[in-house]
Amino acid sequence: MNKQVKRWLYRTGVFLASLTMTAGSLTAVHADTTTNSTSSSSSTNSTTDYTVNAKAAIAIDATTGQALYAKNANTKLAIASISKIITVGVIEQEIKAGKLSWNTKVKVTKEEAKLSENTEYSNITLTAGKSYTVKELTEAAMIKSADAAAITLSRATGDSTASFVKKMQAFVKKAGVTDAKLYNQVGLTNSQMGSYGLKGVAKNAENEMTATDVAKLAQYLIKNYPSLLNITRLTSTTIDGTTVTTINKMLPGQSDAPSQVKIDGLKTGTSDKAGACFVSTGTYQGHRIITVVLHATGGGDERFTQTANLYRLIANEYKAYTVQPSVAATVPNGKVTTTTLTTQGKITLWKKDGTLLSPSLAINSKAADKNGQLTAPVKKGQVVGELTYAGLTGLDGNKLTVDVVPTTNVDKANVFVRMGRCNNYPSSKKRH
């Protein structure tokens, strides 16, 4: 048997042995239905229809991005006031950068005050010449979906609509969204923005994104600015002596609140072009999920009905597994020739009956040698590769991948040791 064959058998044996150990260590978390106590196994023969009646929809695990349902998820559609999560994301980013604080005050213009009294739009009344804090304007935009408040908020650092839209475009790119159509900070048409509209842009131009991109954006916000949920979970707040109530009817205590999923966000959207839309997030048996419904059939509160259908579908078709997979990887030029790679903490994998959780390992090009093996030096905790789950789908529609990191540092062996290994590579063996 030549040396190259021996090396291949050795590496394959170590890798497969490690995957076998990982698969045996999964801890199942049973996913019951959100409407009754029927288990997913008994629901297999159920005739309940969980069809999502909307032009586009998607549901994902908020941590891994695993796609649990998708319908026309890559079709670009108007998103109306869902746009405001981008606006608030930019504000959160500027607060984090020290350019703003929650107590920064912004003075309302006459035109913003006039717009705030327009009952055709979602609003709270703002007083011309009066200053409101960034916190108050953010709460108005997220809880009541107040249009004029969102415009005022976007001026907190002196931006025009044009300059703020550039910030919005840069922000969504950080979330992995590259082709969103963004024209304003509110979600209105360009003509409805009045003097705040963009010059040289069609009057009917309206913000558009895909359901997939809205999910990416929500995932990015929750990961990087989790305190935003402290605002979106509020059913009411007081601004300038007036009680402002939520329009998210799926929050606990509201009319469309599900019984076993605790919703704490995120944003509704409504316009003539967009119809009724909703991006939600909530926890089910400790697992955070994100759903997006765009252009719900029938409009109005159907966005909540279809969102509930998404949660029911997940609960009845999937089981959730809490797992921290680990694999052995060879480091041919290291002081030690193997190291363990694992995810950065436990993750949730959702699977249907019959789906195998058998990941394959790929080392990132920057961390690999010419043969695709991990190369020293290796730094503990640094992402060096990913596990691919062939039976699960990622947010991009491809196979689900999760990053893995080394559990220990591995220094590079000296040249004499490396030369010796080339001449005396170990015979095929497995690690048990």
Protein backbone atom coordinates (compact mmCIF):
# COMPACT_ATOMS: atom_id res chain seq x y z
CA MET A 1 0.00 0.00 0.00
CA ASN A 2 1.59 3.33 -1.02
CA LYS A 3 1.97 6.31 1.32
CA GLN A 4 -0.73 8.47 -0.28
CA VAL A 5 -3.37 5.75 0.20
CA LYS A 6 -2.29 5.31 3.83
CA ARG A 7 -2.69 9.03 4.47
CA TRP A 8 -6.14 9.09 2.91
CA LEU A 9 -7.33 6.11 4.99
CA TYR A 10 -5.98 7.66 8.16
CA ARG A 11 -7.71 11.00 7.63
CA THR A 12 -10.99 9.39 6.58
CA GLY A 13 -10.97 7.02 9.53
CA VAL A 14 -10.44 9.81 12.08
CA PHE A 15 -13.11 12.01 10.53
CA LEU A 16 -15.81 9.31 10.27
CA ALA A 17 -15.14 8.06 13.78
CA SER A 18 -15.63 11.56 15.13
CA LEU A 19 -18.87 12.06 13.20
CA THR A 20 -20.18 8.78 14.63
CA MET A 21 -19.51 10.00 18.17
CA THR A 22 -21.22 13.33 17.44
CA ALA A 23 -24.36 11.76 16.00
CA GLY A 24 -24.75 9.61 19.09
CA SER A 25 -24.65 12.59 21.44
CA LEU A 26 -27.66 14.53 20.13
CA THR A 27 -30.26 15.54 22.70
CA ALA A 28 -33.77 15.75 21.28
CA VAL A 29 -36.23 18.49 22.22
CA HIS A 30 -39.70 17.43 21.13
CA ALA A 31 -41.68 20.04 19.19
CA ASP A 32 -45.35 20.02 20.15
CA THR A 33 -48.04 21.81 18.20
CA THR A 34 -48.65 25.49 19.00
CA THR A 35 -52.40 24.97 19.21
CA ASN A 36 -52.82 21.70 21.07
CA SER A 37 -50.84 18.96 22.72
CA THR A 38 -50.70 16.72 19.64
CA SER A 39 -47.15 15.55 19.09
CA SER A 40 -45.38 15.83 15.75
CA SER A 41 -45.47 12.05 15.34
CA SER A 42 -49.26 11.91 15.64
CA SER A 43 -49.66 14.93 13.40
CA THR A 44 -48.11 13.07 10.47
CA ASN A 45 -51.55 11.73 9.54
CA SER A 46 -53.35 14.99 10.34
CA THR A 47 -55.45 16.61 7.62
CA THR A 48 -54.93 20.08 9.09
CA ASP A 49 -53.99 22.55 6.33
CA TYR A 50 -51.05 24.77 7.21
CA THR A 51 -50.89 26.48 3.82
CA VAL A 52 -49.46 29.98 4.09
CA ASN A 53 -51.70 32.23 2.02
CA ALA A 54 -49.34 35.01 1.02
CA LYS A 55 -47.33 35.96 -2.05
CA ALA A 56 -44.12 35.15 -0.21
CA ALA A 57 -43.12 33.74 3.16
CA ILE A 58 -40.22 32.20 5.01
CA ALA A 59 -39.49 30.80 8.47
CA ILE A 60 -35.97 30.30 9.86
CA ASP A 61 -34.10 29.36 13.00
CA ALA A 62 -32.77 32.69 14.27
CA THR A 63 -29.34 31.33 15.24
CA THR A 64 -28.32 29.03 12.39
CA GLY A 65 -30.50 30.49 9.65
CA GLN A 66 -31.90 27.04 8.86
CA ALA A 67 -34.88 27.52 6.56
CA LEU A 68 -37.95 25.69 7.86
CA TYR A 69 -40.40 26.93 5.23
CA ALA A 70 -40.09 29.02 2.08
CA LYS A 71 -42.56 30.22 -0.52
CA ASN A 72 -41.44 32.58 -3.28
CA ALA A 73 -38.83 33.67 -0.76
CA ASN A 74 -36.53 35.19 -3.38
CA THR A 75 -39.22 37.28 -5.09
CA LYS A 76 -38.71 41.01 -4.52
CA LEU A 77 -41.87 42.66 -3.18
CA ALA A 78 -42.90 45.91 -1.52
CA ILE A 79 -42.35 45.76 2.25
CA ALA A 80 -44.08 48.97 3.41
CA SER A 81 -43.37 49.81 7.08
CA ILE A 82 -41.15 46.77 7.61
CA SER A 83 -38.67 49.33 6.26
CA LYS A 84 -38.61 50.91 9.71
CA ILE A 85 -36.52 48.07 11.13
CA ILE A 86 -33.75 49.27 8.80
CA THR A 87 -34.23 52.84 9.98
CA VAL A 88 -34.02 51.80 13.61
CA GLY A 89 -31.08 49.53 12.82
CA VAL A 90 -29.14 52.53 11.50
CA ILE A 91 -30.03 54.46 14.67
CA GLU A 92 -28.92 51.55 16.88
CA GLN A 93 -25.65 51.44 14.94
CA GLU A 94 -25.05 55.17 15.47
CA ILE A 95 -25.81 54.88 19.17
CA LYS A 96 -23.29 52.05 19.43
CA ALA A 97 -20.74 54.21 17.60
CA GLY A 98 -21.29 57.07 20.07
CA LYS A 99 -22.82 59.42 17.49
CA LEU A 100 -26.18 59.43 19.28
CA SER A 101 -27.73 58.45 22.59
CA TRP A 102 -31.24 57.37 23.46
CA ASN A 103 -31.64 60.76 25.14
CA THR A 104 -30.59 62.80 22.09
CA LYS A 105 -33.42 65.19 21.21
CA VAL A 106 -34.69 65.95 17.71
CA LYS A 107 -36.92 68.94 16.94
CA VAL A 108 -40.04 68.32 14.84
CA THR A 109 -40.48 70.41 11.68
CA LYS A 110 -43.79 71.93 10.56
CA GLU A 111 -44.04 69.46 7.68
CA GLU A 112 -43.41 66.49 9.99
CA ALA A 113 -46.06 67.78 12.38
CA LYS A 114 -48.52 68.12 9.50
CA LEU A 115 -47.74 64.62 8.25
CA SER A 116 -48.23 63.24 11.78
CA GLU A 117 -51.85 64.39 11.68
CA ASN A 118 -52.61 62.63 8.41
CA THR A 119 -55.02 59.82 9.30
CA GLU A 120 -54.33 58.01 6.03
CA TYR A 121 -51.01 56.93 7.51
CA SER A 122 -50.02 55.27 10.74
CA ASN A 123 -49.03 58.04 13.13
CA ILE A 124 -48.89 59.65 16.53
CA THR A 125 -49.38 63.39 16.69
CA LEU A 126 -46.14 65.36 16.88
CA THR A 127 -45.97 69.05 17.80
CA ALA A 128 -44.05 71.40 15.49
CA GLY A 129 -41.04 72.94 17.24
CA LYS A 130 -41.15 70.40 20.07
CA SER A 131 -38.19 68.08 20.68
CA TYR A 132 -38.54 64.36 21.25
CA THR A 133 -35.86 61.93 22.37
CA VAL A 134 -34.44 59.29 20.08
CA LYS A 135 -35.96 56.70 22.43
CA GLU A 136 -39.45 58.20 22.12
CA LEU A 137 -39.24 58.41 18.33
CA THR A 138 -37.95 54.85 18.09
CA GLU A 139 -40.80 53.58 20.27
CA ALA A 140 -43.31 55.48 18.14
CA ALA A 141 -41.86 54.03 14.94
CA MET A 142 -41.67 50.45 16.18
CA ILE A 143 -44.74 50.15 18.42
CA LYS A 144 -47.22 52.33 16.51
CA SER A 145 -45.38 52.32 13.15
CA ALA A 146 -45.57 56.11 13.18
CA ASP A 147 -44.47 57.48 9.81
CA ALA A 148 -43.71 61.08 10.76
CA ALA A 149 -41.80 59.92 13.83
CA ALA A 150 -39.59 57.73 11.62
CA ILE A 151 -38.76 60.72 9.41
CA THR A 152 -37.91 62.87 12.42
CA LEU A 153 -35.82 60.05 13.86
CA SER A 154 -33.82 59.76 10.65
CA ARG A 155 -32.75 63.40 11.03
CA ALA A 156 -31.16 62.76 14.43
CA THR A 157 -27.65 63.29 13.02
CA GLY A 158 -28.70 65.85 10.43
CA ASP A 159 -29.37 63.51 7.52
CA SER A 160 -31.58 64.23 4.54
CA THR A 161 -33.65 61.39 3.11
CA ALA A 162 -31.00 60.84 0.42
CA SER A 163 -28.09 60.61 2.87
CA PHE A 164 -30.05 58.45 5.30
CA VAL A 165 -31.04 56.04 2.52
CA LYS A 166 -27.33 55.59 1.78
CA LYS A 167 -26.86 54.61 5.43
CA MET A 168 -29.77 52.18 5.11
CA GLN A 169 -28.20 50.59 2.04
CA ALA A 170 -24.87 50.20 3.83
CA PHE A 171 -26.61 48.73 6.89
CA VAL A 172 -28.50 46.03 4.99
CA LYS A 173 -25.30 45.01 3.19
CA LYS A 174 -23.83 44.17 6.59
CA ALA A 175 -26.75 41.78 7.00
CA GLY A 176 -25.95 40.11 3.69
CA VAL A 177 -28.59 41.95 1.64
CA THR A 178 -27.13 43.26 -1.61
CA ASP A 179 -30.01 44.17 -3.91
CA ALA A 180 -32.74 45.80 -1.82
CA LYS A 181 -34.61 48.69 -3.41
CA LEU A 182 -34.67 51.46 -0.80
CA TYR A 183 -36.07 54.95 -1.36
CA ASN A 184 -36.97 56.23 2.10
CA GLN A 185 -36.87 55.53 5.82
CA VAL A 186 -40.63 54.93 6.17
CA GLY A 187 -41.94 52.58 3.49
CA LEU A 188 -44.23 55.10 1.80
CA THR A 189 -44.14 55.78 -1.93
CA ASN A 190 -41.79 58.51 -3.08
CA SER A 191 -44.73 60.87 -3.77
CA GLN A 192 -46.27 60.25 -0.33
CA MET A 193 -43.02 61.49 1.23
CA GLY A 194 -43.76 65.01 -0.02
CA SER A 195 -40.72 67.28 0.24
CA TYR A 196 -38.83 64.41 1.91
CA GLY A 197 -39.03 62.34 -1.27
CA LEU A 198 -36.03 61.68 -3.52
CA LYS A 199 -35.50 63.83 -6.60
CA GLY A 200 -35.29 62.05 -9.93
CA VAL A 201 -37.10 58.98 -8.60
CA ALA A 202 -40.51 57.77 -9.80
CA LYS A 203 -43.47 58.91 -7.73
CA ASN A 204 -44.65 55.32 -7.16
CA ALA A 205 -41.21 54.02 -6.14
CA GLU A 206 -41.51 52.00 -2.94
CA ASN A 207 -39.05 50.01 -0.82
CA GLU A 208 -38.77 46.39 -1.95
CA MET A 209 -37.00 43.32 -0.57
CA THR A 210 -37.36 39.56 -0.74
CA ALA A 211 -38.72 37.54 2.18
CA THR A 212 -35.29 35.93 2.46
CA ASP A 213 -33.61 39.31 2.77
CA VAL A 214 -36.11 40.50 5.38
CA ALA A 215 -35.30 37.35 7.38
CA LYS A 216 -31.56 38.02 7.03
CA LEU A 217 -32.09 41.57 8.24
CA ALA A 218 -34.15 40.46 11.23
CA GLN A 219 -31.54 37.83 12.11
CA TYR A 220 -28.76 40.45 11.94
CA LEU A 221 -30.69 42.89 14.13
CA ILE A 222 -31.50 40.31 16.78
CA LYS A 223 -27.90 39.09 16.90
CA ASN A 224 -26.22 42.52 16.99
CA TYR A 225 -28.86 44.69 18.68
CA PRO A 226 -30.90 42.33 20.88
CA SER A 227 -32.04 45.20 23.12
CA LEU A 228 -34.35 46.27 20.28
CA LEU A 229 -36.65 43.46 21.42
CA ASN A 230 -37.13 45.36 24.70
CA ILE A 231 -39.00 47.92 22.59
CA THR A 232 -40.81 45.63 20.15
CA ARG A 233 -42.18 43.45 22.96
CA LEU A 234 -44.00 46.42 24.53
CA THR A 235 -47.78 46.44 24.11
CA SER A 236 -47.93 50.12 25.02
CA THR A 237 -45.80 53.08 26.03
CA THR A 238 -46.32 56.73 26.95
CA ILE A 239 -44.98 59.48 24.70
CA ASP A 240 -45.49 63.14 25.60
CA GLY A 241 -48.29 62.19 28.02
CA THR A 242 -50.15 60.08 25.44
CA THR A 243 -50.51 56.30 25.66
CA VAL A 244 -49.38 54.61 22.46
CA THR A 245 -50.56 51.03 21.89
CA THR A 246 -49.02 48.35 19.71
CA ILE A 247 -50.39 47.24 16.36
CA ASN A 248 -48.68 43.85 16.71
CA LYS A 249 -51.63 41.64 17.65
CA MET A 250 -49.46 38.57 18.24
CA LEU A 251 -47.73 39.90 21.35
CA PRO A 252 -48.69 38.21 24.63
CA GLY A 253 -52.09 39.39 25.81
CA GLN A 254 -53.14 40.61 22.36
CA SER A 255 -55.99 39.19 20.30
CA ASP A 256 -53.90 36.96 18.00
CA ALA A 257 -51.26 35.86 20.50
CA PRO A 258 -50.38 32.16 20.02
CA SER A 259 -50.60 30.00 23.11
CA GLN A 260 -47.22 28.25 23.03
CA VAL A 261 -45.02 30.67 21.07
CA LYS A 262 -43.97 33.82 22.88
CA ILE A 263 -43.78 36.58 20.29
CA ASP A 264 -41.64 39.62 21.16
CA GLY A 265 -41.29 41.35 17.79
CA LEU A 266 -40.84 42.53 15.22
CA LYS A 267 -42.63 44.77 12.68
CA THR A 268 -45.79 45.05 10.60
CA GLY A 269 -46.10 46.71 7.21
CA THR A 270 -49.11 47.89 5.20
CA SER A 271 -49.52 49.75 1.93
CA ASP A 272 -51.66 49.57 -1.21
CA LYS A 273 -48.84 47.85 -3.09
CA ALA A 274 -47.56 45.68 -0.24
CA GLY A 275 -50.90 44.71 1.25
CA ALA A 276 -50.44 43.26 4.74
CA CYS A 277 -46.94 42.16 5.78
CA PHE A 278 -45.34 41.02 9.01
CA VAL A 279 -41.87 39.97 10.15
CA SER A 280 -42.15 38.23 13.51
CA THR A 281 -39.81 36.66 16.01
CA GLY A 282 -40.58 34.57 19.03
CA THR A 283 -39.41 31.66 21.16
CA TYR A 284 -40.88 28.19 21.01
CA GLN A 285 -39.70 25.79 23.72
CA GLY A 286 -36.61 27.95 24.15
CA HIS A 287 -35.74 28.15 20.43
CA ARG A 288 -35.91 31.53 18.66
CA ILE A 289 -37.63 31.56 15.27
CA ILE A 290 -38.04 34.32 12.69
CA THR A 291 -40.96 34.38 10.22
CA VAL A 292 -41.76 36.67 7.31
CA VAL A 293 -45.12 37.01 5.58
CA LEU A 294 -45.33 39.39 2.60
CA HIS A 295 -48.59 40.35 0.92
CA ALA A 296 -50.92 38.13 2.93
CA THR A 297 -54.00 37.05 0.96
CA GLY A 298 -56.99 39.06 2.14
CA GLY A 299 -54.89 41.78 3.78
CA GLY A 300 -55.49 43.17 7.26
CA ASP A 301 -55.04 40.74 10.13
CA GLU A 302 -54.46 37.86 7.71
CA ARG A 303 -50.75 38.59 8.16
CA PHE A 304 -51.14 37.37 11.75
CA THR A 305 -53.23 34.35 10.72
CA GLN A 306 -50.62 33.30 8.16
CA THR A 307 -47.81 33.84 10.65
CA ALA A 308 -49.62 31.56 13.08
CA ASN A 309 -49.88 28.97 10.31
CA LEU A 310 -46.11 29.11 9.90
CA TYR A 311 -45.55 28.40 13.58
CA ARG A 312 -48.07 25.54 13.52
CA LEU A 313 -46.39 24.05 10.49
CA ILE A 314 -42.99 24.13 12.19
CA ALA A 315 -44.34 22.57 15.38
CA ASN A 316 -46.12 19.77 13.55
CA GLU A 317 -43.49 18.87 10.95
CA TYR A 318 -40.22 19.27 12.84
CA LYS A 319 -38.39 18.11 15.93
CA ALA A 320 -35.71 20.36 17.37
CA TYR A 321 -32.37 18.93 18.42
CA THR A 322 -30.00 20.76 20.74
CA VAL A 323 -26.49 19.83 19.71
CA GLN A 324 -22.90 20.96 19.80
CA PRO A 325 -21.30 18.85 17.06
CA SER A 326 -17.58 18.18 17.08
CA VAL A 327 -15.27 16.61 14.52
CA ALA A 328 -11.62 15.66 14.45
CA ALA A 329 -9.46 17.42 11.88
CA THR A 330 -5.91 16.53 10.87
CA VAL A 331 -3.17 19.15 11.10
CA PRO A 332 -0.33 17.59 9.07
CA ASN A 333 2.19 20.33 9.89
CA GLY A 334 1.21 20.81 13.56
CA LYS A 335 3.09 19.83 16.70
CA VAL A 336 0.09 17.59 17.25
CA THR A 337 -1.49 16.17 14.11
CA THR A 338 -5.16 16.25 15.10
CA THR A 339 -7.43 18.76 16.80
CA THR A 340 -11.11 18.93 17.62
CA LEU A 341 -13.36 21.40 15.82
CA THR A 342 -16.75 22.36 17.24
CA THR A 343 -19.45 25.02 16.96
CA GLN A 344 -19.27 28.16 19.08
CA GLY A 345 -21.81 26.91 21.60
CA LYS A 346 -24.89 24.74 21.27
CA ILE A 347 -27.12 25.13 18.22
CA THR A 348 -30.61 23.99 17.29
CA LEU A 349 -31.13 21.75 14.30
CA TRP A 350 -34.68 21.13 13.10
CA LYS A 351 -35.41 17.90 11.29
CA LYS A 352 -38.33 16.04 9.84
CA ASP A 353 -38.78 12.30 10.33
CA GLY A 354 -36.29 10.36 8.25
CA THR A 355 -33.77 13.19 7.89
CA LEU A 356 -30.23 12.25 8.91
CA LEU A 357 -28.04 14.71 10.80
CA SER A 358 -24.74 13.67 9.21
CA PRO A 359 -22.47 16.66 8.63
CA SER A 360 -19.41 16.83 6.40
CA LEU A 361 -16.42 19.02 7.17
CA ALA A 362 -14.78 21.55 4.86
CA ILE A 363 -11.80 23.68 5.92
CA ASN A 364 -11.81 27.34 4.83
CA SER A 365 -9.32 28.10 2.06
CA LYS A 366 -7.39 30.55 4.25
CA ALA A 367 -6.93 27.91 6.95
CA ALA A 368 -6.16 24.98 4.65
CA ASP A 369 -3.09 23.61 2.96
CA LYS A 370 -3.03 22.62 -0.73
CA ASN A 371 -4.70 19.31 0.14
CA GLY A 372 -7.59 20.95 1.98
CA GLN A 373 -6.27 19.95 5.43
CA LEU A 374 -6.05 22.32 8.38
CA THR A 375 -2.67 24.01 8.54
CA ALA A 376 -0.81 25.22 11.64
CA PRO A 377 -0.58 27.49 13.45
CA VAL A 378 -4.18 27.00 14.60
CA LYS A 379 -5.78 29.49 16.99
CA LYS A 380 -8.39 28.37 19.50
CA GLY A 381 -11.82 29.86 18.83
CA GLN A 382 -11.02 31.11 15.32
CA VAL A 383 -13.43 30.04 12.57
CA VAL A 384 -11.49 27.66 10.32
CA GLY A 385 -14.20 25.68 8.56
CA GLU A 386 -17.82 24.67 8.39
CA LEU A 387 -20.03 21.64 8.74
CA THR A 388 -22.53 21.04 5.96
CA TYR A 389 -25.80 19.21 6.67
CA ALA A 390 -26.96 17.68 3.39
CA GLY A 391 -30.53 17.06 4.58
CA LEU A 392 -31.13 20.58 5.95
CA THR A 393 -31.62 23.87 4.10
CA GLY A 394 -29.91 27.15 4.87
CA LEU A 395 -31.25 30.67 4.55
CA ASP A 396 -29.68 31.02 1.10
CA GLY A 397 -31.56 27.96 -0.17
CA ASN A 398 -28.45 25.78 -0.23
CA LYS A 399 -27.45 23.09 2.24
CA LEU A 400 -27.23 24.33 5.83
CA THR A 401 -23.72 25.17 7.00
CA VAL A 402 -22.46 26.06 10.48
CA ASP A 403 -19.07 27.46 11.41
CA VAL A 404 -16.63 25.44 13.49
CA VAL A 405 -13.63 26.50 15.57
CA PRO A 406 -10.68 24.65 17.16
CA THR A 407 -10.96 23.84 20.85
CA THR A 408 -7.18 24.23 21.36
CA ASN A 409 -4.21 26.05 19.89
CA VAL A 410 -1.94 24.03 17.61
CA ASP A 411 1.58 25.32 16.96
CA LYS A 412 3.49 24.53 13.82
CA ALA A 413 5.99 21.66 14.05
CA ASN A 414 9.59 22.37 13.16
CA VAL A 415 10.90 21.47 9.74
CA PHE A 416 12.72 18.32 10.89
CA VAL A 417 9.57 16.89 12.47
CA ARG A 418 7.59 17.64 9.32
CA MET A 419 10.20 15.99 7.11
CA GLY A 420 10.19 12.92 9.34
CA ARG A 421 6.42 12.61 9.06
CA CYS A 422 6.65 12.63 5.27
CA ASN A 423 8.82 9.54 5.50
CA ASN A 424 6.99 7.79 8.34
CA TYR A 425 3.28 8.64 8.11
CA PRO A 426 1.21 6.39 10.45
CA SER A 427 -0.78 3.51 9.04
CA SER A 428 -4.57 3.68 8.80
CA LYS A 429 -6.28 3.85 12.20
CA LYS A 430 -9.37 5.25 13.85
CA ARG A 431 -9.77 7.32 16.99
CA HIS A 432 -12.36 5.80 19.35
